PDB file of N, CA and C in Angstrom:
ATOM      1  N   MET A   1       5.013   1.807 -25.696  1.00  0.00           N
ATOM      2  CA  MET A   1       4.098   1.175 -24.769  1.00  0.00           C
ATOM      3  C   MET A   1       3.915   2.084 -23.563  1.00  0.00           C
ATOM      4  N   ARG A   2       2.678   2.314 -23.194  1.00  0.00           N
ATOM      5  CA  ARG A   2       2.397   3.133 -22.022  1.00  0.00           C
ATOM      6  C   ARG A   2       2.626   2.309 -20.766  1.00  0.00           C
ATOM      7  N   LYS A   3       3.177   2.959 -19.773  1.00  0.00           N
ATOM      8  CA  LYS A   3       3.440   2.281 -18.502  1.00  0.00           C
ATOM      9  C   LYS A   3       2.856   3.108 -17.382  1.00  0.00           C
ATOM     10  N   PHE A   4       2.454   2.435 -16.358  1.00  0.00           N
ATOM     11  CA  PHE A   4       1.946   3.055 -15.149  1.00  0.00           C
ATOM     12  C   PHE A   4       2.940   2.686 -14.067  1.00  0.00           C
ATOM     13  N   VAL A   5       3.475   3.650 -13.359  1.00  0.00           N
ATOM     14  CA  VAL A   5       4.522   3.383 -12.393  1.00  0.00           C
ATOM     15  C   VAL A   5       3.966   3.443 -10.976  1.00  0.00           C
ATOM     16  N   VAL A   6       4.248   2.407 -10.199  1.00  0.00           N
ATOM     17  CA  VAL A   6       3.818   2.347  -8.809  1.00  0.00           C
ATOM     18  C   VAL A   6       5.072   2.424  -7.941  1.00  0.00           C
ATOM     19  N   PRO A   7       5.421   3.617  -7.466  1.00  0.00           N
ATOM     20  CA  PRO A   7       6.582   3.694  -6.585  1.00  0.00           C
ATOM     21  C   PRO A   7       6.196   3.306  -5.165  1.00  0.00           C
ATOM     22  N   ALA A   8       7.105   2.705  -4.477  1.00  0.00           N
ATOM     23  CA  ALA A   8       6.815   2.295  -3.106  1.00  0.00           C
ATOM     24  C   ALA A   8       8.045   2.472  -2.246  1.00  0.00           C
ATOM     25  N   LEU A   9       7.837   2.985  -1.049  1.00  0.00           N
ATOM     26  CA  LEU A   9       8.911   3.020  -0.076  1.00  0.00           C
ATOM     27  C   LEU A   9       8.957   1.631   0.509  1.00  0.00           C
ATOM     28  N   ALA A  10       9.992   0.908   0.147  1.00  0.00           N
ATOM     29  CA  ALA A  10       9.963  -0.515   0.431  1.00  0.00           C
ATOM     30  C   ALA A  10      11.245  -1.026   1.056  1.00  0.00           C
ATOM     31  N   ALA A  11      11.598  -0.512   2.182  1.00  0.00           N
ATOM     32  CA  ALA A  11      12.791  -1.001   2.868  1.00  0.00           C
ATOM     33  C   ALA A  11      12.657  -2.480   3.183  1.00  0.00           C
ATOM     34  N   ILE A  12      11.469  -2.898   3.541  1.00  0.00           N
ATOM     35  CA  ILE A  12      11.281  -4.299   3.889  1.00  0.00           C
ATOM     36  C   ILE A  12      11.375  -5.193   2.667  1.00  0.00           C
ATOM     37  N   CYS A  13      11.047  -4.655   1.502  1.00  0.00           N
ATOM     38  CA  CYS A  13      11.134  -5.469   0.290  1.00  0.00           C
ATOM     39  C   CYS A  13      12.590  -5.730  -0.078  1.00  0.00           C
ATOM     40  N   ILE A  14      13.410  -4.733   0.096  1.00  0.00           N
ATOM     41  CA  ILE A  14      14.821  -4.870  -0.242  1.00  0.00           C
ATOM     42  C   ILE A  14      15.544  -5.648   0.844  1.00  0.00           C
ATOM     43  N   ALA A  15      15.305  -5.276   2.072  1.00  0.00           N
ATOM     44  CA  ALA A  15      16.038  -5.865   3.175  1.00  0.00           C
ATOM     45  C   ALA A  15      15.524  -7.246   3.554  1.00  0.00           C
ATOM     46  N   GLY A  16      14.235  -7.478   3.383  1.00  0.00           N
ATOM     47  CA  GLY A  16      13.660  -8.771   3.693  1.00  0.00           C
ATOM     48  C   GLY A  16      13.576  -9.028   5.175  1.00  0.00           C
ATOM     49  N   ALA A  17      13.276 -10.244   5.515  1.00  0.00           N
ATOM     50  CA  ALA A  17      13.088 -10.609   6.921  1.00  0.00           C
ATOM     51  C   ALA A  17      14.397 -10.668   7.689  1.00  0.00           C
ATOM     52  N   PHE A  18      15.512 -10.639   7.001  1.00  0.00           N
ATOM     53  CA  PHE A  18      16.804 -10.751   7.661  1.00  0.00           C
ATOM     54  C   PHE A  18      17.413  -9.396   7.984  1.00  0.00           C
ATOM     55  N   ALA A  19      16.639  -8.336   7.829  1.00  0.00           N
ATOM     56  CA  ALA A  19      17.160  -6.987   8.027  1.00  0.00           C
ATOM     57  C   ALA A  19      17.446  -6.715   9.493  1.00  0.00           C
ATOM     58  N   ALA A  20      18.501  -5.986   9.700  1.00  0.00           N
ATOM     59  CA  ALA A  20      18.799  -5.502  11.039  1.00  0.00           C
ATOM     60  C   ALA A  20      17.854  -4.347  11.324  1.00  0.00           C
ATOM     61  N   PRO A  21      17.551  -4.049  12.583  1.00  0.00           N
ATOM     62  CA  PRO A  21      16.637  -2.948  12.882  1.00  0.00           C
ATOM     63  C   PRO A  21      17.055  -1.633  12.247  1.00  0.00           C
ATOM     64  N   ALA A  22      18.341  -1.359  12.181  1.00  0.00           N
ATOM     65  CA  ALA A  22      18.785  -0.100  11.575  1.00  0.00           C
ATOM     66  C   ALA A  22      18.475  -0.085  10.089  1.00  0.00           C
ATOM     67  N   ALA A  23      18.620  -1.219   9.428  1.00  0.00           N
ATOM     68  CA  ALA A  23      18.347  -1.282   7.994  1.00  0.00           C
ATOM     69  C   ALA A  23      16.867  -1.095   7.716  1.00  0.00           C
ATOM     70  N   ALA A  24      16.025  -1.550   8.611  1.00  0.00           N
ATOM     71  CA  ALA A  24      14.586  -1.422   8.412  1.00  0.00           C
ATOM     72  C   ALA A  24      14.145   0.036   8.474  1.00  0.00           C
ATOM     73  N   ALA A  25      14.922   0.876   9.127  1.00  0.00           N
ATOM     74  CA  ALA A  25      14.573   2.287   9.231  1.00  0.00           C
ATOM     75  C   ALA A  25      14.900   3.038   7.946  1.00  0.00           C
ATOM     76  N   GLU A  26      15.820   2.495   7.133  1.00  0.00           N
ATOM     77  CA  GLU A  26      16.174   3.136   5.878  1.00  0.00           C
ATOM     78  C   GLU A  26      15.072   2.887   4.864  1.00  0.00           C
ATOM     79  N   THR A  27      14.922   3.806   3.916  1.00  0.00           N
ATOM     80  CA  THR A  27      13.931   3.602   2.881  1.00  0.00           C
ATOM     81  C   THR A  27      14.617   3.574   1.525  1.00  0.00           C
ATOM     82  N   ASP A  28      14.175   2.686   0.697  1.00  0.00           N
ATOM     83  CA  ASP A  28      14.622   2.580  -0.675  1.00  0.00           C
ATOM     84  C   ASP A  28      13.387   2.701  -1.539  1.00  0.00           C
ATOM     85  N   THR A  29      13.547   3.272  -2.707  1.00  0.00           N
ATOM     86  CA  THR A  29      12.425   3.405  -3.602  1.00  0.00           C
ATOM     87  C   THR A  29      12.420   2.242  -4.579  1.00  0.00           C
ATOM     88  N   VAL A  30      11.302   1.580  -4.653  1.00  0.00           N
ATOM     89  CA  VAL A  30      11.100   0.493  -5.596  1.00  0.00           C
ATOM     90  C   VAL A  30      10.091   0.991  -6.615  1.00  0.00           C
ATOM     91  N   VAL A  31      10.375   0.801  -7.879  1.00  0.00           N
ATOM     92  CA  VAL A  31       9.457   1.229  -8.925  1.00  0.00           C
ATOM     93  C   VAL A  31       8.989  -0.005  -9.675  1.00  0.00           C
ATOM     94  N   VAL A  32       7.690  -0.169  -9.763  1.00  0.00           N
ATOM     95  CA  VAL A  32       7.090  -1.267 -10.500  1.00  0.00           C
ATOM     96  C   VAL A  32       6.278  -0.656 -11.631  1.00  0.00           C
ATOM     97  N   LYS A  33       6.606  -1.014 -12.846  1.00  0.00           N
ATOM     98  CA  LYS A  33       5.881  -0.480 -13.998  1.00  0.00           C
ATOM     99  C   LYS A  33       4.712  -1.391 -14.322  1.00  0.00           C
ATOM    100  N   VAL A  34       3.578  -0.767 -14.565  1.00  0.00           N
ATOM    101  CA  VAL A  34       2.359  -1.498 -14.884  1.00  0.00           C
ATOM    102  C   VAL A  34       1.920  -1.072 -16.284  1.00  0.00           C
ATOM    103  N   GLY A  35       1.958  -2.003 -17.199  1.00  0.00           N
ATOM    104  CA  GLY A  35       1.550  -1.705 -18.566  1.00  0.00           C
ATOM    105  C   GLY A  35       0.037  -1.610 -18.685  1.00  0.00           C
ATOM    106  N   TYR A  36      -0.437  -0.697 -19.525  1.00  0.00           N
ATOM    107  CA  TYR A  36      -1.874  -0.582 -19.738  1.00  0.00           C
ATOM    108  C   TYR A  36      -2.212  -0.222 -21.179  1.00  0.00           C
ATOM    109  N   SER A  37      -1.255  -0.336 -22.075  1.00  0.00           N
ATOM    110  CA  SER A  37      -1.509   0.045 -23.468  1.00  0.00           C
ATOM    111  C   SER A  37      -2.542  -0.856 -24.133  1.00  0.00           C
ATOM    112  N   ASP A  38      -2.754  -2.044 -23.589  1.00  0.00           N
ATOM    113  CA  ASP A  38      -3.741  -2.964 -24.144  1.00  0.00           C
ATOM    114  C   ASP A  38      -5.142  -2.738 -23.575  1.00  0.00           C
ATOM    115  N   LEU A  39      -5.288  -1.785 -22.671  1.00  0.00           N
ATOM    116  CA  LEU A  39      -6.564  -1.541 -22.006  1.00  0.00           C
ATOM    117  C   LEU A  39      -7.239  -0.289 -22.560  1.00  0.00           C
ATOM    118  N   ASP A  40      -8.545  -0.318 -22.644  1.00  0.00           N
ATOM    119  CA  ASP A  40      -9.327   0.860 -23.017  1.00  0.00           C
ATOM    120  C   ASP A  40      -9.821   1.489 -21.720  1.00  0.00           C
ATOM    121  N   LEU A  41      -9.137   2.540 -21.297  1.00  0.00           N
ATOM    122  CA  LEU A  41      -9.481   3.175 -20.031  1.00  0.00           C
ATOM    123  C   LEU A  41     -10.770   3.993 -20.097  1.00  0.00           C
ATOM    124  N   LYS A  42     -11.374   4.050 -21.261  1.00  0.00           N
ATOM    125  CA  LYS A  42     -12.664   4.723 -21.383  1.00  0.00           C
ATOM    126  C   LYS A  42     -13.801   3.810 -20.939  1.00  0.00           C
ATOM    127  N   THR A  43     -13.473   2.541 -20.721  1.00  0.00           N
ATOM    128  CA  THR A  43     -14.496   1.593 -20.280  1.00  0.00           C
ATOM    129  C   THR A  43     -14.253   1.211 -18.825  1.00  0.00           C
ATOM    130  N   GLU A  44     -15.325   0.838 -18.161  1.00  0.00           N
ATOM    131  CA  GLU A  44     -15.209   0.393 -16.768  1.00  0.00           C
ATOM    132  C   GLU A  44     -14.369  -0.881 -16.677  1.00  0.00           C
ATOM    133  N   THR A  45     -14.512  -1.750 -17.651  1.00  0.00           N
ATOM    134  CA  THR A  45     -13.745  -2.990 -17.667  1.00  0.00           C
ATOM    135  C   THR A  45     -12.245  -2.699 -17.749  1.00  0.00           C
ATOM    136  N   GLY A  46     -11.869  -1.752 -18.592  1.00  0.00           N
ATOM    137  CA  GLY A  46     -10.459  -1.375 -18.730  1.00  0.00           C
ATOM    138  C   GLY A  46      -9.912  -0.768 -17.449  1.00  0.00           C
ATOM    139  N   ARG A  47     -10.699   0.107 -16.824  1.00  0.00           N
ATOM    140  CA  ARG A  47     -10.256   0.733 -15.565  1.00  0.00           C
ATOM    141  C   ARG A  47     -10.154  -0.306 -14.449  1.00  0.00           C
ATOM    142  N   ASP A  48     -11.111  -1.232 -14.404  1.00  0.00           N
ATOM    143  CA  ASP A  48     -11.060  -2.300 -13.387  1.00  0.00           C
ATOM    144  C   ASP A  48      -9.827  -3.178 -13.586  1.00  0.00           C
ATOM    145  N   ALA A  49      -9.506  -3.467 -14.838  1.00  0.00           N
ATOM    146  CA  ALA A  49      -8.325  -4.292 -15.122  1.00  0.00           C
ATOM    147  C   ALA A  49      -7.046  -3.573 -14.685  1.00  0.00           C
ATOM    148  N   LEU A  50      -6.979  -2.260 -14.930  1.00  0.00           N
ATOM    149  CA  LEU A  50      -5.806  -1.500 -14.502  1.00  0.00           C
ATOM    150  C   LEU A  50      -5.713  -1.467 -12.981  1.00  0.00           C
ATOM    151  N   GLU A  51      -6.831  -1.286 -12.309  1.00  0.00           N
ATOM    152  CA  GLU A  51      -6.808  -1.291 -10.844  1.00  0.00           C
ATOM    153  C   GLU A  51      -6.343  -2.641 -10.300  1.00  0.00           C
ATOM    154  N   ALA A  52      -6.736  -3.730 -10.940  1.00  0.00           N
ATOM    155  CA  ALA A  52      -6.283  -5.061 -10.516  1.00  0.00           C
ATOM    156  C   ALA A  52      -4.778  -5.206 -10.725  1.00  0.00           C
ATOM    157  N   ARG A  53      -4.279  -4.698 -11.839  1.00  0.00           N
ATOM    158  CA  ARG A  53      -2.836  -4.749 -12.100  1.00  0.00           C
ATOM    159  C   ARG A  53      -2.064  -3.915 -11.079  1.00  0.00           C
ATOM    160  N   ILE A  54      -2.627  -2.778 -10.715  1.00  0.00           N
ATOM    161  CA  ILE A  54      -1.986  -1.918  -9.718  1.00  0.00           C
ATOM    162  C   ILE A  54      -1.934  -2.633  -8.371  1.00  0.00           C
ATOM    163  N   ALA A  55      -3.018  -3.272  -7.985  1.00  0.00           N
ATOM    164  CA  ALA A  55      -3.041  -4.008  -6.713  1.00  0.00           C
ATOM    165  C   ALA A  55      -1.978  -5.100  -6.708  1.00  0.00           C
ATOM    166  N   THR A  56      -1.801  -5.776  -7.821  1.00  0.00           N
ATOM    167  CA  THR A  56      -0.770  -6.807  -7.934  1.00  0.00           C
ATOM    168  C   THR A  56       0.622  -6.183  -7.827  1.00  0.00           C
ATOM    169  N   ALA A  57       0.801  -5.020  -8.445  1.00  0.00           N
ATOM    170  CA  ALA A  57       2.094  -4.342  -8.395  1.00  0.00           C
ATOM    171  C   ALA A  57       2.431  -3.879  -6.978  1.00  0.00           C
ATOM    172  N   VAL A  58       1.432  -3.410  -6.246  1.00  0.00           N
ATOM    173  CA  VAL A  58       1.651  -2.997  -4.858  1.00  0.00           C
ATOM    174  C   VAL A  58       2.091  -4.200  -4.031  1.00  0.00           C
ATOM    175  N   LYS A  59       1.454  -5.342  -4.248  1.00  0.00           N
ATOM    176  CA  LYS A  59       1.849  -6.556  -3.529  1.00  0.00           C
ATOM    177  C   LYS A  59       3.271  -6.961  -3.882  1.00  0.00           C
ATOM    178  N   ALA A  60       3.652  -6.790  -5.145  1.00  0.00           N
ATOM    179  CA  ALA A  60       5.008  -7.143  -5.570  1.00  0.00           C
ATOM    180  C   ALA A  60       6.043  -6.191  -4.965  1.00  0.00           C
ATOM    181  N   ALA A  61       5.695  -4.916  -4.880  1.00  0.00           N
ATOM    182  CA  ALA A  61       6.632  -3.918  -4.359  1.00  0.00           C
ATOM    183  C   ALA A  61       6.741  -3.971  -2.841  1.00  0.00           C
ATOM    184  N   CYS A  62       5.675  -4.373  -2.187  1.00  0.00           N
ATOM    185  CA  CYS A  62       5.620  -4.369  -0.726  1.00  0.00           C
ATOM    186  C   CYS A  62       5.379  -5.783  -0.214  1.00  0.00           C
ATOM    187  N   ALA A  63       6.413  -6.566  -0.243  1.00  0.00           N
ATOM    188  CA  ALA A  63       6.291  -7.953   0.202  1.00  0.00           C
ATOM    189  C   ALA A  63       6.071  -8.011   1.710  1.00  0.00           C
ATOM    190  N   LYS A  64       5.143  -8.868   2.115  1.00  0.00           N
ATOM    191  CA  LYS A  64       4.843  -9.022   3.535  1.00  0.00           C
ATOM    192  C   LYS A  64       6.019  -9.715   4.216  1.00  0.00           C
ATOM    193  N   PRO A  65       6.484  -9.149   5.326  1.00  0.00           N
ATOM    194  CA  PRO A  65       7.616  -9.782   6.018  1.00  0.00           C
ATOM    195  C   PRO A  65       7.219 -11.141   6.586  1.00  0.00           C
ATOM    196  N   GLU A  66       8.183 -12.024   6.624  1.00  0.00           N
ATOM    197  CA  GLU A  66       7.912 -13.368   7.133  1.00  0.00           C
ATOM    198  C   GLU A  66       7.948 -13.430   8.656  1.00  0.00           C
ATOM    199  N   THR A  67       8.500 -12.414   9.268  1.00  0.00           N
ATOM    200  CA  THR A  67       8.547 -12.382  10.728  1.00  0.00           C
ATOM    201  C   THR A  67       7.422 -11.500  11.251  1.00  0.00           C
ATOM    202  N   ARG A  68       7.158 -11.605  12.506  1.00  0.00           N
ATOM    203  CA  ARG A  68       6.109 -10.794  13.125  1.00  0.00           C
ATOM    204  C   ARG A  68       6.693  -9.606  13.876  1.00  0.00           C
ATOM    205  N   SER A  69       7.811  -9.116  13.422  1.00  0.00           N
ATOM    206  CA  SER A  69       8.432  -7.939  14.010  1.00  0.00           C
ATOM    207  C   SER A  69       7.501  -6.741  13.835  1.00  0.00           C
ATOM    208  N   ILE A  70       7.256  -6.029  14.900  1.00  0.00           N
ATOM    209  CA  ILE A  70       6.366  -4.866  14.830  1.00  0.00           C
ATOM    210  C   ILE A  70       6.925  -3.825  13.868  1.00  0.00           C
ATOM    211  N   LYS A  71       8.232  -3.594  13.914  1.00  0.00           N
ATOM    212  CA  LYS A  71       8.831  -2.600  13.018  1.00  0.00           C
ATOM    213  C   LYS A  71       8.675  -3.004  11.563  1.00  0.00           C
ATOM    214  N   LEU A  72       8.922  -4.260  11.260  1.00  0.00           N
ATOM    215  CA  LEU A  72       8.779  -4.710   9.875  1.00  0.00           C
ATOM    216  C   LEU A  72       7.322  -4.678   9.422  1.00  0.00           C
ATOM    217  N   MET A  73       6.400  -5.034  10.309  1.00  0.00           N
ATOM    218  CA  MET A  73       4.982  -4.995   9.959  1.00  0.00           C
ATOM    219  C   MET A  73       4.519  -3.547   9.728  1.00  0.00           C
ATOM    220  N   GLN A  74       5.024  -2.617  10.562  1.00  0.00           N
ATOM    221  CA  GLN A  74       4.679  -1.203  10.373  1.00  0.00           C
ATOM    222  C   GLN A  74       5.269  -0.688   9.059  1.00  0.00           C
ATOM    223  N   ALA A  75       6.497  -1.097   8.750  1.00  0.00           N
ATOM    224  CA  ALA A  75       7.121  -0.686   7.491  1.00  0.00           C
ATOM    225  C   ALA A  75       6.341  -1.246   6.300  1.00  0.00           C
ATOM    226  N   TRP A  76       5.853  -2.469   6.431  1.00  0.00           N
ATOM    227  CA  TRP A  76       5.060  -3.095   5.364  1.00  0.00           C
ATOM    228  C   TRP A  76       3.755  -2.325   5.154  1.00  0.00           C
ATOM    229  N   GLU A  77       3.075  -1.984   6.244  1.00  0.00           N
ATOM    230  CA  GLU A  77       1.831  -1.222   6.137  1.00  0.00           C
ATOM    231  C   GLU A  77       2.091   0.153   5.521  1.00  0.00           C
ATOM    232  N   SER A  78       3.181   0.784   5.936  1.00  0.00           N
ATOM    233  CA  SER A  78       3.544   2.092   5.393  1.00  0.00           C
ATOM    234  C   SER A  78       3.848   1.994   3.902  1.00  0.00           C
ATOM    235  N   CYS A  79       4.542   0.938   3.522  1.00  0.00           N
ATOM    236  CA  CYS A  79       4.858   0.705   2.116  1.00  0.00           C
ATOM    237  C   CYS A  79       3.578   0.587   1.300  1.00  0.00           C
ATOM    238  N   LYS A  80       2.651  -0.238   1.761  1.00  0.00           N
ATOM    239  CA  LYS A  80       1.394  -0.430   1.042  1.00  0.00           C
ATOM    240  C   LYS A  80       0.601   0.876   0.949  1.00  0.00           C
ATOM    241  N   ASP A  81       0.545   1.622   2.050  1.00  0.00           N
ATOM    242  CA  ASP A  81      -0.197   2.888   2.056  1.00  0.00           C
ATOM    243  C   ASP A  81       0.413   3.880   1.074  1.00  0.00           C
ATOM    244  N   SER A  82       1.735   4.002   1.114  1.00  0.00           N
ATOM    245  CA  SER A  82       2.431   4.939   0.240  1.00  0.00           C
ATOM    246  C   SER A  82       2.259   4.557  -1.229  1.00  0.00           C
ATOM    247  N   ALA A  83       2.434   3.277  -1.525  1.00  0.00           N
ATOM    248  CA  ALA A  83       2.303   2.812  -2.906  1.00  0.00           C
ATOM    249  C   ALA A  83       0.875   2.987  -3.410  1.00  0.00           C
ATOM    250  N   SER A  84      -0.085   2.644  -2.581  1.00  0.00           N
ATOM    251  CA  SER A  84      -1.493   2.767  -2.979  1.00  0.00           C
ATOM    252  C   SER A  84      -1.886   4.219  -3.200  1.00  0.00           C
ATOM    253  N   SER A  85      -1.422   5.103  -2.338  1.00  0.00           N
ATOM    254  CA  SER A  85      -1.724   6.529  -2.469  1.00  0.00           C
ATOM    255  C   SER A  85      -1.130   7.091  -3.760  1.00  0.00           C
ATOM    256  N   SER A  86       0.134   6.776  -3.996  1.00  0.00           N
ATOM    257  CA  SER A  86       0.790   7.260  -5.202  1.00  0.00           C
ATOM    258  C   SER A  86       0.114   6.695  -6.450  1.00  0.00           C
ATOM    259  N   ALA A  87      -0.216   5.416  -6.405  1.00  0.00           N
ATOM    260  CA  ALA A  87      -0.864   4.778  -7.547  1.00  0.00           C
ATOM    261  C   ALA A  87      -2.237   5.379  -7.811  1.00  0.00           C
ATOM    262  N   ALA A  88      -2.974   5.686  -6.761  1.00  0.00           N
ATOM    263  CA  ALA A  88      -4.305   6.276  -6.925  1.00  0.00           C
ATOM    264  C   ALA A  88      -4.215   7.628  -7.630  1.00  0.00           C
ATOM    265  N   GLN A  89      -3.225   8.415  -7.244  1.00  0.00           N
ATOM    266  CA  GLN A  89      -3.033   9.719  -7.887  1.00  0.00           C
ATOM    267  C   GLN A  89      -2.695   9.547  -9.364  1.00  0.00           C
ATOM    268  N   GLN A  90      -1.785   8.622  -9.655  1.00  0.00           N
ATOM    269  CA  GLN A  90      -1.402   8.383 -11.045  1.00  0.00           C
ATOM    270  C   GLN A  90      -2.568   7.807 -11.848  1.00  0.00           C
ATOM    271  N   PHE A  91      -3.346   6.943 -11.214  1.00  0.00           N
ATOM    272  CA  PHE A  91      -4.505   6.358 -11.880  1.00  0.00           C
ATOM    273  C   PHE A  91      -5.474   7.452 -12.310  1.00  0.00           C
ATOM    274  N   GLU A  92      -5.782   8.363 -11.401  1.00  0.00           N
ATOM    275  CA  GLU A  92      -6.713   9.441 -11.719  1.00  0.00           C
ATOM    276  C   GLU A  92      -6.199  10.297 -12.882  1.00  0.00           C
ATOM    277  N   LYS A  93      -4.910  10.619 -12.860  1.00  0.00           N
ATOM    278  CA  LYS A  93      -4.331  11.419 -13.946  1.00  0.00           C
ATOM    279  C   LYS A  93      -4.369  10.659 -15.263  1.00  0.00           C
ATOM    280  N   THR A  94      -4.060   9.376 -15.214  1.00  0.00           N
ATOM    281  CA  THR A  94      -4.035   8.564 -16.422  1.00  0.00           C
ATOM    282  C   THR A  94      -5.426   8.430 -17.022  1.00  0.00           C
ATOM    283  N   VAL A  95      -6.414   8.177 -16.176  1.00  0.00           N
ATOM    284  CA  VAL A  95      -7.792   8.046 -16.657  1.00  0.00           C
ATOM    285  C   VAL A  95      -8.264   9.385 -17.226  1.00  0.00           C
ATOM    286  N   ALA A  96      -7.947  10.482 -16.554  1.00  0.00           N
ATOM    287  CA  ALA A  96      -8.343  11.804 -17.052  1.00  0.00           C
ATOM    288  C   ALA A  96      -7.676  12.099 -18.398  1.00  0.00           C
ATOM    289  N   PHE A  97      -6.423  11.712 -18.540  1.00  0.00           N
ATOM    290  CA  PHE A  97      -5.676  11.931 -19.772  1.00  0.00           C
ATOM    291  C   PHE A  97      -6.238  11.105 -20.923  1.00  0.00           C
ATOM    292  N   SER A  98      -6.840   9.963 -20.606  1.00  0.00           N
ATOM    293  CA  SER A  98      -7.362   9.085 -21.670  1.00  0.00           C
ATOM    294  C   SER A  98      -8.656   9.633 -22.277  1.00  0.00           C
ATOM    295  N   GLY A  99      -9.150  10.741 -21.733  1.00  0.00           N
ATOM    296  CA  GLY A  99     -10.295  11.404 -22.334  1.00  0.00           C
ATOM    297  C   GLY A  99     -11.649  11.028 -21.781  1.00  0.00           C
ATOM    298  N   ILE A 100     -11.682  10.603 -20.550  1.00  0.00           N
ATOM    299  CA  ILE A 100     -12.965  10.226 -19.958  1.00  0.00           C
ATOM    300  C   ILE A 100     -13.635  11.452 -19.386  1.00  0.00           C
TER     301      ILE A 100
END
């Protein structure tokens, strides 16, 4: 089965809202695998479905903090940016590899 991996720097996902400020500064790598073997990436519908799955995976890897701490909110935004950037690169390679 083919998998698409969305890595995310997700200290806030691991530490959660109960993290001490020092823990929020640490980064842990979270890997979320996104399956796409059932999709035809040669079609727009298949690519759109994969992009939707990736967006869901980014949300899973980068959980929004329940507190309004500026540090946690910045870490959450950084997590989403990093995961989305990495996923976009992998998406392009995967689509190119599928022969489009």
